[in-house]
C-alpha atoms as a PDB file:
ATOM      1  CA  MET A   1       0.000   0.000   0.000  1.00  0.00           C
ATOM      2  CA  THR A   2       1.401   3.400  -0.950  1.00  0.00           C
ATOM      3  CA  PRO A   3       1.797   6.129   1.677  1.00  0.00           C
ATOM      4  CA  SER A   4      -1.063   8.055   0.048  1.00  0.00           C
ATOM      5  CA  ALA A   5      -3.338   4.989   0.085  1.00  0.00           C
ATOM      6  CA  ARG A   6      -2.455   4.324   3.743  1.00  0.00           C
ATOM      7  CA  LEU A   7      -3.353   7.892   4.638  1.00  0.00           C
ATOM      8  CA  ASP A   8      -6.630   7.620   2.692  1.00  0.00           C
ATOM      9  CA  ALA A   9      -7.512   4.396   4.537  1.00  0.00           C
ATOM     10  CA  THR A  10      -6.626   5.945   7.891  1.00  0.00           C
ATOM     11  CA  PHE A  11      -8.791   9.024   7.422  1.00  0.00           C
ATOM     12  CA  ALA A  12     -11.645   6.978   5.926  1.00  0.00           C
ATOM     13  CA  ALA A  13     -11.570   4.684   8.961  1.00  0.00           C
ATOM     14  CA  LEU A  14     -11.466   7.627  11.373  1.00  0.00           C
ATOM     15  CA  ALA A  15     -14.358   9.372   9.606  1.00  0.00           C
ATOM     16  CA  ASP A  16     -16.822   7.251  11.565  1.00  0.00           C
ATOM     17  CA  SER A  17     -17.592   8.184  15.187  1.00  0.00           C
ATOM     18  CA  THR A  18     -17.993   4.540  16.270  1.00  0.00           C
ATOM     19  CA  ARG A  19     -14.541   3.690  14.960  1.00  0.00           C
ATOM     20  CA  ARG A  20     -13.052   6.754  16.664  1.00  0.00           C
ATOM     21  CA  ALA A  21     -14.665   5.624  19.934  1.00  0.00           C
ATOM     22  CA  ILE A  22     -13.179   2.147  19.472  1.00  0.00           C
ATOM     23  CA  ILE A  23      -9.736   3.679  18.924  1.00  0.00           C
ATOM     24  CA  ALA A  24     -10.213   5.831  22.037  1.00  0.00           C
ATOM     25  CA  ARG A  25     -11.134   2.742  24.070  1.00  0.00           C
ATOM     26  CA  LEU A  26      -8.146   0.767  22.745  1.00  0.00           C
ATOM     27  CA  ALA A  27      -5.823   3.629  23.695  1.00  0.00           C
ATOM     28  CA  SER A  28      -6.288   2.499  27.305  1.00  0.00           C
ATOM     29  CA  GLY A  29      -5.415  -1.134  26.539  1.00  0.00           C
ATOM     30  CA  GLU A  30      -6.403  -4.159  24.498  1.00  0.00           C
ATOM     31  CA  ALA A  31      -9.990  -5.407  24.526  1.00  0.00           C
ATOM     32  CA  SER A  32     -12.073  -8.221  23.106  1.00  0.00           C
ATOM     33  CA  VAL A  33     -14.808  -7.733  20.530  1.00  0.00           C
ATOM     34  CA  ASN A  34     -17.429  -8.241  23.249  1.00  0.00           C
ATOM     35  CA  GLU A  35     -15.787  -5.624  25.463  1.00  0.00           C
ATOM     36  CA  LEU A  36     -15.651  -3.185  22.560  1.00  0.00           C
ATOM     37  CA  ALA A  37     -19.309  -3.833  21.657  1.00  0.00           C
ATOM     38  CA  LYS A  38     -20.676  -3.140  25.184  1.00  0.00           C
ATOM     39  CA  PRO A  39     -21.064   0.667  24.993  1.00  0.00           C
ATOM     40  CA  PHE A  40     -22.723   0.595  21.565  1.00  0.00           C
ATOM     41  CA  ALA A  41     -26.326  -0.107  20.654  1.00  0.00           C
ATOM     42  CA  MET A  42     -25.353  -2.420  17.815  1.00  0.00           C
ATOM     43  CA  SER A  43     -24.788  -6.081  17.213  1.00  0.00           C
ATOM     44  CA  GLN A  44     -21.477  -7.862  17.547  1.00  0.00           C
ATOM     45  CA  PRO A  45     -21.351  -8.454  13.752  1.00  0.00           C
ATOM     46  CA  ALA A  46     -21.722  -4.682  13.207  1.00  0.00           C
ATOM     47  CA  ILE A  47     -18.834  -4.020  15.612  1.00  0.00           C
ATOM     48  CA  SER A  48     -16.818  -6.683  13.798  1.00  0.00           C
ATOM     49  CA  LYS A  49     -17.329  -4.807  10.514  1.00  0.00           C
ATOM     50  CA  HIS A  50     -15.981  -1.643  12.129  1.00  0.00           C
ATOM     51  CA  LEU A  51     -13.009  -3.608  13.444  1.00  0.00           C
ATOM     52  CA  LYS A  52     -12.285  -4.962   9.965  1.00  0.00           C
ATOM     53  CA  VAL A  53     -12.184  -1.406   8.585  1.00  0.00           C
ATOM     54  CA  LEU A  54      -9.815  -0.347  11.370  1.00  0.00           C
ATOM     55  CA  GLU A  55      -7.674  -3.440  10.832  1.00  0.00           C
ATOM     56  CA  HIS A  56      -7.529  -2.898   7.058  1.00  0.00           C
ATOM     57  CA  ALA A  57      -6.372   0.681   7.691  1.00  0.00           C
ATOM     58  CA  GLY A  58      -3.643  -0.655   9.989  1.00  0.00           C
ATOM     59  CA  LEU A  59      -5.030   1.203  13.001  1.00  0.00           C
ATOM     60  CA  ILE A  60      -5.606  -1.943  15.057  1.00  0.00           C
ATOM     61  CA  SER A  61      -4.370  -5.510  15.121  1.00  0.00           C
ATOM     62  CA  ARG A  62      -6.058  -8.652  16.411  1.00  0.00           C
ATOM     63  CA  SER A  63      -4.436 -11.705  17.889  1.00  0.00           C
ATOM     64  CA  ARG A  64      -5.786 -15.061  19.005  1.00  0.00           C
ATOM     65  CA  ASP A  65      -5.724 -16.109  22.643  1.00  0.00           C
ATOM     66  CA  ALA A  66      -7.658 -19.405  22.814  1.00  0.00           C
ATOM     67  CA  GLN A  67     -11.286 -18.355  22.190  1.00  0.00           C
ATOM     68  CA  ARG A  68     -10.568 -14.683  22.755  1.00  0.00           C
ATOM     69  CA  ARG A  69      -9.425 -12.370  19.934  1.00  0.00           C
ATOM     70  CA  PRO A  70      -8.049  -9.289  21.671  1.00  0.00           C
ATOM     71  CA  CYS A  71      -7.682  -6.076  19.679  1.00  0.00           C
ATOM     72  CA  ARG A  72      -4.935  -3.548  20.225  1.00  0.00           C
ATOM     73  CA  ILE A  73      -4.197  -0.153  18.804  1.00  0.00           C
ATOM     74  CA  GLU A  74      -1.364   0.235  16.279  1.00  0.00           C
ATOM     75  CA  ALA A  75       0.179   3.644  16.832  1.00  0.00           C
ATOM     76  CA  LYS A  76       2.282   3.753  13.642  1.00  0.00           C
ATOM     77  CA  ARG A  77      -0.628   4.654  11.335  1.00  0.00           C
ATOM     78  CA  LEU A  78      -1.946   7.228  13.786  1.00  0.00           C
ATOM     79  CA  GLU A  79       1.525   8.759  13.887  1.00  0.00           C
ATOM     80  CA  GLU A  80       1.606   8.960  10.074  1.00  0.00           C
ATOM     81  CA  ALA A  81      -1.737  10.783  10.096  1.00  0.00           C
ATOM     82  CA  ASN A  82      -0.533  13.050  12.893  1.00  0.00           C
ATOM     83  CA  GLN A  83       2.609  13.954  10.942  1.00  0.00           C
ATOM     84  CA  TRP A  84       0.488  14.847   7.914  1.00  0.00           C
ATOM     85  CA  LEU A  85      -1.766  17.044  10.064  1.00  0.00           C
ATOM     86  CA  GLU A  86       1.212  18.673  11.805  1.00  0.00           C
ATOM     87  CA  ARG A  87       2.372  20.182   8.508  1.00  0.00           C
ATOM     88  CA  TYR A  88      -0.922  22.023   8.230  1.00  0.00           C
ATOM     89  CA  SER A  89      -0.946  22.884  11.905  1.00  0.00           C
ATOM     90  CA  ALA A  90       2.336  24.756  11.410  1.00  0.00           C
ATOM     91  CA  PHE A  91       0.819  26.597   8.428  1.00  0.00           C
ATOM     92  CA  TRP A  92      -2.208  27.712  10.438  1.00  0.00           C
ATOM     93  CA  ALA A  93      -0.109  28.689  13.448  1.00  0.00           C
ATOM     94  CA  ALA A  94       2.087  30.903  11.236  1.00  0.00           C
ATOM     95  CA  SER A  95      -0.995  32.421   9.571  1.00  0.00           C
ATOM     96  CA  LEU A  96      -2.590  33.188  12.922  1.00  0.00           C
ATOM     97  CA  ASP A  97       0.676  34.688  14.206  1.00  0.00           C
ATOM     98  CA  ARG A  98       0.778  37.036  11.190  1.00  0.00           C
ATOM     99  CA  LEU A  99      -2.853  38.002  11.786  1.00  0.00           C
ATOM    100  CA  ASP A 100      -2.108  38.643  15.445  1.00  0.00           C
ATOM    101  CA  ASP A 101       0.840  40.871  14.478  1.00  0.00           C
ATOM    102  CA  LEU A 102      -1.312  42.820  12.029  1.00  0.00           C
ATOM    103  CA  LEU A 103      -4.064  43.344  14.592  1.00  0.00           C
ATOM    104  CA  GLY A 104      -1.466  44.516  17.097  1.00  0.00           C
ATOM    105  CA  GLU A 105      -0.144  47.061  14.583  1.00  0.00           C
ATOM    106  CA  LEU A 106      -3.639  48.312  13.795  1.00  0.00           C
ATOM    107  CA  GLN A 107      -4.431  48.803  17.466  1.00  0.00           C
ATOM    108  CA  THR A 108      -1.286  50.869  18.104  1.00  0.00           C
ATOM    109  CA  GLU A 109      -1.617  53.175  15.067  1.00  0.00           C
ATOM    110  CA  PRO A 110      -3.211  56.545  15.756  1.00  0.00           C
ATOM    111  CA  LYS A 111      -6.767  56.714  14.559  1.00  0.00           C
ATOM    112  CA  PRO A 112      -7.398  59.158  11.720  1.00  0.00           C
ATOM    113  CA  ARG A 113      -9.647  62.063  12.587  1.00  0.00           C
ATOM    114  CA  LYS A 114     -13.029  61.980  11.017  1.00  0.00           C
ATOM    115  CA  ARG A 115     -13.967  64.897   8.826  1.00  0.00           C
ATOM    116  CA  GLN A 116     -17.050  66.729   9.748  1.00  0.00           C
ATOM    117  CA  ARG A 117     -19.522  67.262   6.980  1.00  0.00           C
ATOM    118  CA  ARG A 118     -20.429  70.797   6.095  1.00  0.00           C
ATOM    119  CA  LYS A 119     -24.016  71.707   5.936  1.00  0.00           C
ATOM    120  CA  LEU A 120     -25.106  73.328   2.708  1.00  0.00           C
END
């Protein structure tokens, strides 16, 4: 998978709020499918579909422990997405700094006097 395709898969997987919640839960440690399904009002097969999307994107991995298939977060893909976002974060920070400087200059400049209109 190319870097661009990996990034596309990562952002597509994270576009869904259920999948983001699963990632948030896995950030605190591995969990089984049943444990991940508990907080959601959906079936275990529906959760499994979400897990497959996350696994395909490389955001999680699953292992086999007897009958249990624990899921764990894979930080590498999240780091790739974070690095991509950081480039734009630096752009916006610099843009906001320039705006802040401009506003500071405008506030310290003397205000021009308004002309009074003459009555005819």
